[in-house]
Amino acid sequence: MTCLHLKEATEPTPLAPYEGGCPECVHDGYQDWVHLRICMDCGYVGCCDSSPRQHMSRHYDGSSHPVMRSYEPSENWKWCFVDEMLGA
């Protein structure tokens, strides 16, 4: 079972390369992000909730973009913030 947000999510163009790390953390002089996520609506790249600043969740809070996916090279999953559902 999956939600409509996950079904409709399309692959975005990343606004930052994976190798660069979390753009906001890097900009602020931090290098302690854990994993990166990408917004499926706009391509924003931010750090995960296990990271101290949780930039992807903050992005959702400010934008209401419902779906993000892992931006880790070996991971292929998505998360819907609205319906709190995991998808592939």
PDB file of N, CA and C in Angstrom:
ATOM      1  N   MET A   1       0.847  -1.187   0.000  1.00  0.00           N
ATOM      2  CA  MET A   1       0.000   0.000   0.000  1.00  0.00           C
ATOM      3  C   MET A   1       0.888   1.244   0.000  1.00  0.00           C
ATOM      4  N   THR A   2       0.507   2.218  -0.803  1.00  0.00           N
ATOM      5  CA  THR A   2       1.262   3.462  -0.888  1.00  0.00           C
ATOM      6  C   THR A   2       0.288   4.628  -1.009  1.00  0.00           C
ATOM      7  N   CYS A   3       0.775   5.810  -0.748  1.00  0.00           N
ATOM      8  CA  CYS A   3      -0.086   6.989  -0.823  1.00  0.00           C
ATOM      9  C   CYS A   3       0.032   7.666  -2.192  1.00  0.00           C
ATOM     10  N   LEU A   4      -0.888   8.561  -2.470  1.00  0.00           N
ATOM     11  CA  LEU A   4      -0.911   9.279  -3.744  1.00  0.00           C
ATOM     12  C   LEU A   4       0.343  10.132  -3.924  1.00  0.00           C
ATOM     13  N   HIS A   5       0.849  10.738  -2.846  1.00  0.00           N
ATOM     14  CA  HIS A   5       2.063  11.559  -2.951  1.00  0.00           C
ATOM     15  C   HIS A   5       3.236  10.727  -3.461  1.00  0.00           C
ATOM     16  N   LEU A   6       3.408   9.527  -2.900  1.00  0.00           N
ATOM     17  CA  LEU A   6       4.504   8.664  -3.339  1.00  0.00           C
ATOM     18  C   LEU A   6       4.311   8.209  -4.779  1.00  0.00           C
ATOM     19  N   LYS A   7       3.083   7.903  -5.155  1.00  0.00           N
ATOM     20  CA  LYS A   7       2.802   7.465  -6.521  1.00  0.00           C
ATOM     21  C   LYS A   7       3.094   8.557  -7.540  1.00  0.00           C
ATOM     22  N   GLU A   8       2.813   9.799  -7.194  1.00  0.00           N
ATOM     23  CA  GLU A   8       2.966  10.913  -8.136  1.00  0.00           C
ATOM     24  C   GLU A   8       4.354  11.548  -8.132  1.00  0.00           C
ATOM     25  N   ALA A   9       5.206  11.181  -7.190  1.00  0.00           N
ATOM     26  CA  ALA A   9       6.539  11.788  -7.086  1.00  0.00           C
ATOM     27  C   ALA A   9       7.376  11.435  -8.312  1.00  0.00           C
ATOM     28  N   THR A  10       8.022  12.447  -8.883  1.00  0.00           N
ATOM     29  CA  THR A  10       8.896  12.245 -10.028  1.00  0.00           C
ATOM     30  C   THR A  10      10.327  12.588  -9.646  1.00  0.00           C
ATOM     31  N   GLU A  11      11.260  12.100 -10.422  1.00  0.00           N
ATOM     32  CA  GLU A  11      12.673  12.316 -10.113  1.00  0.00           C
ATOM     33  C   GLU A  11      13.059  13.774 -10.367  1.00  0.00           C
ATOM     34  N   PRO A  12      13.562  14.444  -9.338  1.00  0.00           N
ATOM     35  CA  PRO A  12      13.944  15.851  -9.489  1.00  0.00           C
ATOM     36  C   PRO A  12      15.368  16.008 -10.014  1.00  0.00           C
ATOM     37  N   THR A  13      15.687  17.205 -10.436  1.00  0.00           N
ATOM     38  CA  THR A  13      17.060  17.571 -10.746  1.00  0.00           C
ATOM     39  C   THR A  13      17.678  18.091  -9.454  1.00  0.00           C
ATOM     40  N   PRO A  14      18.727  17.439  -8.949  1.00  0.00           N
ATOM     41  CA  PRO A  14      19.324  17.886  -7.684  1.00  0.00           C
ATOM     42  C   PRO A  14      19.860  19.305  -7.775  1.00  0.00           C
ATOM     43  N   LEU A  15      19.664  20.058  -6.713  1.00  0.00           N
ATOM     44  CA  LEU A  15      20.206  21.409  -6.648  1.00  0.00           C
ATOM     45  C   LEU A  15      21.643  21.409  -6.124  1.00  0.00           C
ATOM     46  N   ALA A  16      22.119  20.238  -5.672  1.00  0.00           N
ATOM     47  CA  ALA A  16      23.491  20.116  -5.175  1.00  0.00           C
ATOM     48  C   ALA A  16      23.984  18.696  -5.423  1.00  0.00           C
ATOM     49  N   PRO A  17      25.291  18.529  -5.683  1.00  0.00           N
ATOM     50  CA  PRO A  17      25.828  17.182  -5.892  1.00  0.00           C
ATOM     51  C   PRO A  17      25.925  16.429  -4.566  1.00  0.00           C
ATOM     52  N   TYR A  18      25.833  15.116  -4.618  1.00  0.00           N
ATOM     53  CA  TYR A  18      25.945  14.299  -3.416  1.00  0.00           C
ATOM     54  C   TYR A  18      27.286  14.521  -2.726  1.00  0.00           C
ATOM     55  N   GLU A  19      28.343  14.557  -3.505  1.00  0.00           N
ATOM     56  CA  GLU A  19      29.696  14.647  -2.944  1.00  0.00           C
ATOM     57  C   GLU A  19      29.922  15.921  -2.138  1.00  0.00           C
ATOM     58  N   GLY A  20      29.104  16.942  -2.382  1.00  0.00           N
ATOM     59  CA  GLY A  20      29.295  18.199  -1.684  1.00  0.00           C
ATOM     60  C   GLY A  20      28.775  18.213  -0.261  1.00  0.00           C
ATOM     61  N   GLY A  21      28.020  17.200   0.134  1.00  0.00           N
ATOM     62  CA  GLY A  21      27.448  17.163   1.470  1.00  0.00           C
ATOM     63  C   GLY A  21      26.204  18.031   1.551  1.00  0.00           C
ATOM     64  N   CYS A  22      25.725  18.246   2.748  1.00  0.00           N
ATOM     65  CA  CYS A  22      24.539  19.077   2.959  1.00  0.00           C
ATOM     66  C   CYS A  22      24.908  20.536   2.677  1.00  0.00           C
ATOM     67  N   PRO A  23      24.321  21.140   1.650  1.00  0.00           N
ATOM     68  CA  PRO A  23      24.702  22.499   1.280  1.00  0.00           C
ATOM     69  C   PRO A  23      24.565  23.517   2.414  1.00  0.00           C
ATOM     70  N   GLU A  24      23.500  23.431   3.195  1.00  0.00           N
ATOM     71  CA  GLU A  24      23.330  24.399   4.286  1.00  0.00           C
ATOM     72  C   GLU A  24      24.353  24.183   5.392  1.00  0.00           C
ATOM     73  N   CYS A  25      24.639  22.911   5.718  1.00  0.00           N
ATOM     74  CA  CYS A  25      25.664  22.632   6.727  1.00  0.00           C
ATOM     75  C   CYS A  25      27.020  23.144   6.259  1.00  0.00           C
ATOM     76  N   VAL A  26      27.367  22.852   5.001  1.00  0.00           N
ATOM     77  CA  VAL A  26      28.651  23.299   4.454  1.00  0.00           C
ATOM     78  C   VAL A  26      28.729  24.823   4.488  1.00  0.00           C
ATOM     79  N   HIS A  27      27.662  25.481   4.066  1.00  0.00           N
ATOM     80  CA  HIS A  27      27.628  26.941   4.067  1.00  0.00           C
ATOM     81  C   HIS A  27      27.872  27.508   5.461  1.00  0.00           C
ATOM     82  N   ASP A  28      27.331  26.841   6.482  1.00  0.00           N
ATOM     83  CA  ASP A  28      27.467  27.322   7.861  1.00  0.00           C
ATOM     84  C   ASP A  28      28.722  26.797   8.560  1.00  0.00           C
ATOM     85  N   GLY A  29      29.563  26.037   7.838  1.00  0.00           N
ATOM     86  CA  GLY A  29      30.826  25.562   8.396  1.00  0.00           C
ATOM     87  C   GLY A  29      30.741  24.238   9.144  1.00  0.00           C
ATOM     88  N   TYR A  30      29.648  23.501   8.981  1.00  0.00           N
ATOM     89  CA  TYR A  30      29.493  22.213   9.659  1.00  0.00           C
ATOM     90  C   TYR A  30      29.807  21.073   8.690  1.00  0.00           C
ATOM     91  N   GLN A  31      30.330  19.987   9.235  1.00  0.00           N
ATOM     92  CA  GLN A  31      30.588  18.793   8.433  1.00  0.00           C
ATOM     93  C   GLN A  31      30.077  17.548   9.143  1.00  0.00           C
ATOM     94  N   ASP A  32      29.067  17.692   9.991  1.00  0.00           N
ATOM     95  CA  ASP A  32      28.612  16.579  10.818  1.00  0.00           C
ATOM     96  C   ASP A  32      27.253  16.024  10.406  1.00  0.00           C
ATOM     97  N   TRP A  33      26.858  16.200   9.120  1.00  0.00           N
ATOM     98  CA  TRP A  33      25.609  15.588   8.670  1.00  0.00           C
ATOM     99  C   TRP A  33      25.821  14.077   8.617  1.00  0.00           C
ATOM    100  N   VAL A  34      24.717  13.335   8.699  1.00  0.00           N
ATOM    101  CA  VAL A  34      24.789  11.872   8.695  1.00  0.00           C
ATOM    102  C   VAL A  34      24.500  11.325   7.300  1.00  0.00           C
ATOM    103  N   HIS A  35      23.313  11.609   6.770  1.00  0.00           N
ATOM    104  CA  HIS A  35      22.926  11.177   5.429  1.00  0.00           C
ATOM    105  C   HIS A  35      22.212  12.327   4.734  1.00  0.00           C
ATOM    106  N   LEU A  36      22.179  12.258   3.407  1.00  0.00           N
ATOM    107  CA  LEU A  36      21.521  13.305   2.630  1.00  0.00           C
ATOM    108  C   LEU A  36      20.202  12.805   2.061  1.00  0.00           C
ATOM    109  N   ARG A  37      19.265  13.743   1.898  1.00  0.00           N
ATOM    110  CA  ARG A  37      17.957  13.486   1.310  1.00  0.00           C
ATOM    111  C   ARG A  37      17.727  14.518   0.218  1.00  0.00           C
ATOM    112  N   ILE A  38      16.836  14.187  -0.742  1.00  0.00           N
ATOM    113  CA  ILE A  38      16.508  15.113  -1.819  1.00  0.00           C
ATOM    114  C   ILE A  38      14.994  15.266  -1.898  1.00  0.00           C
ATOM    115  N   CYS A  39      14.534  16.496  -2.043  1.00  0.00           N
ATOM    116  CA  CYS A  39      13.109  16.786  -2.179  1.00  0.00           C
ATOM    117  C   CYS A  39      12.660  16.386  -3.576  1.00  0.00           C
ATOM    118  N   MET A  40      11.595  15.603  -3.658  1.00  0.00           N
ATOM    119  CA  MET A  40      11.106  15.128  -4.944  1.00  0.00           C
ATOM    120  C   MET A  40      10.349  16.205  -5.716  1.00  0.00           C
ATOM    121  N   ASP A  41      10.009  17.310  -5.077  1.00  0.00           N
ATOM    122  CA  ASP A  41       9.327  18.410  -5.763  1.00  0.00           C
ATOM    123  C   ASP A  41      10.305  19.384  -6.408  1.00  0.00           C
ATOM    124  N   CYS A  42      11.310  19.807  -5.651  1.00  0.00           N
ATOM    125  CA  CYS A  42      12.147  20.907  -6.135  1.00  0.00           C
ATOM    126  C   CYS A  42      13.633  20.582  -6.260  1.00  0.00           C
ATOM    127  N   GLY A  43      14.076  19.407  -5.783  1.00  0.00           N
ATOM    128  CA  GLY A  43      15.481  19.039  -5.888  1.00  0.00           C
ATOM    129  C   GLY A  43      16.355  19.555  -4.765  1.00  0.00           C
ATOM    130  N   TYR A  44      15.753  20.199  -3.753  1.00  0.00           N
ATOM    131  CA  TYR A  44      16.517  20.663  -2.588  1.00  0.00           C
ATOM    132  C   TYR A  44      17.231  19.469  -1.957  1.00  0.00           C
ATOM    133  N   VAL A  45      18.498  19.634  -1.597  1.00  0.00           N
ATOM    134  CA  VAL A  45      19.277  18.592  -0.930  1.00  0.00           C
ATOM    135  C   VAL A  45      19.549  19.056   0.491  1.00  0.00           C
ATOM    136  N   GLY A  46      19.247  18.175   1.460  1.00  0.00           N
ATOM    137  CA  GLY A  46      19.466  18.504   2.865  1.00  0.00           C
ATOM    138  C   GLY A  46      19.777  17.265   3.672  1.00  0.00           C
ATOM    139  N   CYS A  47      20.227  17.485   4.889  1.00  0.00           N
ATOM    140  CA  CYS A  47      20.598  16.372   5.760  1.00  0.00           C
ATOM    141  C   CYS A  47      19.368  15.744   6.435  1.00  0.00           C
ATOM    142  N   CYS A  48      19.538  14.512   6.870  1.00  0.00           N
ATOM    143  CA  CYS A  48      18.452  13.704   7.437  1.00  0.00           C
ATOM    144  C   CYS A  48      18.165  14.069   8.898  1.00  0.00           C
ATOM    145  N   ASP A  49      17.157  13.422   9.459  1.00  0.00           N
ATOM    146  CA  ASP A  49      16.769  13.676  10.845  1.00  0.00           C
ATOM    147  C   ASP A  49      17.766  13.138  11.864  1.00  0.00           C
ATOM    148  N   SER A  50      18.683  12.275  11.454  1.00  0.00           N
ATOM    149  CA  SER A  50      19.740  11.818  12.360  1.00  0.00           C
ATOM    150  C   SER A  50      20.876  12.840  12.436  1.00  0.00           C
ATOM    151  N   SER A  51      20.843  13.827  11.567  1.00  0.00           N
ATOM    152  CA  SER A  51      21.836  14.900  11.567  1.00  0.00           C
ATOM    153  C   SER A  51      21.396  15.994  12.541  1.00  0.00           C
ATOM    154  N   PRO A  52      22.344  16.711  13.121  1.00  0.00           N
ATOM    155  CA  PRO A  52      21.989  17.720  14.139  1.00  0.00           C
ATOM    156  C   PRO A  52      21.011  18.799  13.669  1.00  0.00           C
ATOM    157  N   ARG A  53      21.111  19.251  12.411  1.00  0.00           N
ATOM    158  CA  ARG A  53      20.274  20.367  11.973  1.00  0.00           C
ATOM    159  C   ARG A  53      19.041  19.953  11.163  1.00  0.00           C
ATOM    160  N   GLN A  54      18.930  18.704  10.778  1.00  0.00           N
ATOM    161  CA  GLN A  54      17.723  18.146  10.153  1.00  0.00           C
ATOM    162  C   GLN A  54      17.157  19.038   9.045  1.00  0.00           C
ATOM    163  N   HIS A  55      18.014  19.410   8.105  1.00  0.00           N
ATOM    164  CA  HIS A  55      17.603  20.363   7.077  1.00  0.00           C
ATOM    165  C   HIS A  55      16.462  19.872   6.184  1.00  0.00           C
ATOM    166  N   MET A  56      16.375  18.564   5.898  1.00  0.00           N
ATOM    167  CA  MET A  56      15.278  18.111   5.029  1.00  0.00           C
ATOM    168  C   MET A  56      13.930  18.256   5.729  1.00  0.00           C
ATOM    169  N   SER A  57      13.848  17.920   6.997  1.00  0.00           N
ATOM    170  CA  SER A  57      12.579  18.112   7.722  1.00  0.00           C
ATOM    171  C   SER A  57      12.233  19.593   7.827  1.00  0.00           C
ATOM    172  N   ARG A  58      13.235  20.427   8.008  1.00  0.00           N
ATOM    173  CA  ARG A  58      12.989  21.882   8.032  1.00  0.00           C
ATOM    174  C   ARG A  58      12.483  22.365   6.673  1.00  0.00           C
ATOM    175  N   HIS A  59      13.026  21.786   5.610  1.00  0.00           N
ATOM    176  CA  HIS A  59      12.567  22.143   4.270  1.00  0.00           C
ATOM    177  C   HIS A  59      11.090  21.788   4.117  1.00  0.00           C
ATOM    178  N   TYR A  60      10.717  20.602   4.552  1.00  0.00           N
ATOM    179  CA  TYR A  60       9.298  20.211   4.478  1.00  0.00           C
ATOM    180  C   TYR A  60       8.438  21.168   5.305  1.00  0.00           C
ATOM    181  N   ASP A  61       8.871  21.502   6.510  1.00  0.00           N
ATOM    182  CA  ASP A  61       8.102  22.418   7.361  1.00  0.00           C
ATOM    183  C   ASP A  61       7.878  23.768   6.684  1.00  0.00           C
ATOM    184  N   GLY A  62       8.858  24.227   5.922  1.00  0.00           N
ATOM    185  CA  GLY A  62       8.745  25.531   5.271  1.00  0.00           C
ATOM    186  C   GLY A  62       8.101  25.508   3.901  1.00  0.00           C
ATOM    187  N   SER A  63       8.145  24.356   3.236  1.00  0.00           N
ATOM    188  CA  SER A  63       7.667  24.295   1.853  1.00  0.00           C
ATOM    189  C   SER A  63       6.406  23.461   1.667  1.00  0.00           C
ATOM    190  N   SER A  64       6.166  22.534   2.571  1.00  0.00           N
ATOM    191  CA  SER A  64       5.070  21.555   2.464  1.00  0.00           C
ATOM    192  C   SER A  64       5.239  20.616   1.270  1.00  0.00           C
ATOM    193  N   HIS A  65       6.441  20.501   0.721  1.00  0.00           N
ATOM    194  CA  HIS A  65       6.694  19.520  -0.332  1.00  0.00           C
ATOM    195  C   HIS A  65       6.621  18.147   0.328  1.00  0.00           C
ATOM    196  N   PRO A  66       5.714  17.271  -0.126  1.00  0.00           N
ATOM    197  CA  PRO A  66       5.393  16.076   0.641  1.00  0.00           C
ATOM    198  C   PRO A  66       6.386  14.913   0.603  1.00  0.00           C
ATOM    199  N   VAL A  67       7.171  14.767  -0.475  1.00  0.00           N
ATOM    200  CA  VAL A  67       7.979  13.557  -0.610  1.00  0.00           C
ATOM    201  C   VAL A  67       9.457  13.880  -0.777  1.00  0.00           C
ATOM    202  N   MET A  68      10.281  13.114  -0.061  1.00  0.00           N
ATOM    203  CA  MET A  68      11.726  13.167  -0.248  1.00  0.00           C
ATOM    204  C   MET A  68      12.193  11.739  -0.449  1.00  0.00           C
ATOM    205  N   ARG A  69      13.398  11.619  -0.989  1.00  0.00           N
ATOM    206  CA  ARG A  69      14.007  10.292  -1.096  1.00  0.00           C
ATOM    207  C   ARG A  69      15.431  10.374  -0.575  1.00  0.00           C
ATOM    208  N   SER A  70      15.970   9.201  -0.295  1.00  0.00           N
ATOM    209  CA  SER A  70      17.368   9.154   0.119  1.00  0.00           C
ATOM    210  C   SER A  70      18.234   9.631  -1.037  1.00  0.00           C
ATOM    211  N   TYR A  71      19.262  10.384  -0.715  1.00  0.00           N
ATOM    212  CA  TYR A  71      20.229  10.848  -1.722  1.00  0.00           C
ATOM    213  C   TYR A  71      21.557  10.120  -1.520  1.00  0.00           C
ATOM    214  N   GLU A  72      21.491   8.982  -0.840  1.00  0.00           N
ATOM    215  CA  GLU A  72      22.667   8.147  -0.636  1.00  0.00           C
ATOM    216  C   GLU A  72      22.804   7.219  -1.841  1.00  0.00           C
ATOM    217  N   PRO A  73      24.026   7.041  -2.366  1.00  0.00           N
ATOM    218  CA  PRO A  73      24.220   6.240  -3.577  1.00  0.00           C
ATOM    219  C   PRO A  73      23.685   4.809  -3.488  1.00  0.00           C
ATOM    220  N   SER A  74      23.708   4.196  -2.330  1.00  0.00           N
ATOM    221  CA  SER A  74      23.312   2.793  -2.210  1.00  0.00           C
ATOM    222  C   SER A  74      21.872   2.599  -1.725  1.00  0.00           C
ATOM    223  N   GLU A  75      21.103   3.672  -1.596  1.00  0.00           N
ATOM    224  CA  GLU A  75      19.738   3.568  -1.068  1.00  0.00           C
ATOM    225  C   GLU A  75      18.721   4.013  -2.120  1.00  0.00           C
ATOM    226  N   ASN A  76      17.563   3.342  -2.122  1.00  0.00           N
ATOM    227  CA  ASN A  76      16.516   3.661  -3.087  1.00  0.00           C
ATOM    228  C   ASN A  76      15.155   3.600  -2.401  1.00  0.00           C
ATOM    229  N   TRP A  77      14.848   4.562  -1.583  1.00  0.00           N
ATOM    230  CA  TRP A  77      13.556   4.619  -0.908  1.00  0.00           C
ATOM    231  C   TRP A  77      13.096   6.068  -0.807  1.00  0.00           C
ATOM    232  N   LYS A  78      11.782   6.225  -0.635  1.00  0.00           N
ATOM    233  CA  LYS A  78      11.165   7.549  -0.521  1.00  0.00           C
ATOM    234  C   LYS A  78      10.372   7.608   0.780  1.00  0.00           C
ATOM    235  N   TRP A  79      10.109   8.830   1.237  1.00  0.00           N
ATOM    236  CA  TRP A  79       9.322   9.058   2.446  1.00  0.00           C
ATOM    237  C   TRP A  79       8.308  10.164   2.174  1.00  0.00           C
ATOM    238  N   CYS A  80       7.053   9.899   2.527  1.00  0.00           N
ATOM    239  CA  CYS A  80       6.017  10.921   2.443  1.00  0.00           C
ATOM    240  C   CYS A  80       5.814  11.506   3.832  1.00  0.00           C
ATOM    241  N   PHE A  81       6.121  12.780   3.978  1.00  0.00           N
ATOM    242  CA  PHE A  81       5.947  13.465   5.262  1.00  0.00           C
ATOM    243  C   PHE A  81       4.464  13.569   5.648  1.00  0.00           C
ATOM    244  N   VAL A  82       3.605  13.817   4.677  1.00  0.00           N
ATOM    245  CA  VAL A  82       2.186  14.041   4.929  1.00  0.00           C
ATOM    246  C   VAL A  82       1.531  12.779   5.491  1.00  0.00           C
ATOM    247  N   ASP A  83       1.717  11.667   4.800  1.00  0.00           N
ATOM    248  CA  ASP A  83       1.064  10.419   5.185  1.00  0.00           C
ATOM    249  C   ASP A  83       1.947   9.506   6.044  1.00  0.00           C
ATOM    250  N   GLU A  84       3.175   9.957   6.312  1.00  0.00           N
ATOM    251  CA  GLU A  84       4.133   9.191   7.104  1.00  0.00           C
ATOM    252  C   GLU A  84       4.239   7.761   6.593  1.00  0.00           C
ATOM    253  N   MET A  85       4.531   7.665   5.285  1.00  0.00           N
ATOM    254  CA  MET A  85       4.643   6.355   4.622  1.00  0.00           C
ATOM    255  C   MET A  85       5.968   6.246   3.895  1.00  0.00           C
ATOM    256  N   LEU A  86       6.532   5.045   3.933  1.00  0.00           N
ATOM    257  CA  LEU A  86       7.752   4.706   3.223  1.00  0.00           C
ATOM    258  C   LEU A  86       7.383   4.077   1.894  1.00  0.00           C
ATOM    259  N   GLY A  87       8.115   4.392   0.853  1.00  0.00           N
ATOM    260  CA  GLY A  87       7.863   3.822  -0.461  1.00  0.00           C
ATOM    261  C   GLY A  87       9.147   3.581  -1.217  1.00  0.00           C
ATOM    262  N   ALA A  88       9.050   2.911  -2.333  1.00  0.00           N
ATOM    263  CA  ALA A  88      10.225   2.630  -3.159  1.00  0.00           C
ATOM    264  C   ALA A  88      10.172   3.429  -4.436  1.00  0.00           C
TER     265      ALA A  88
END
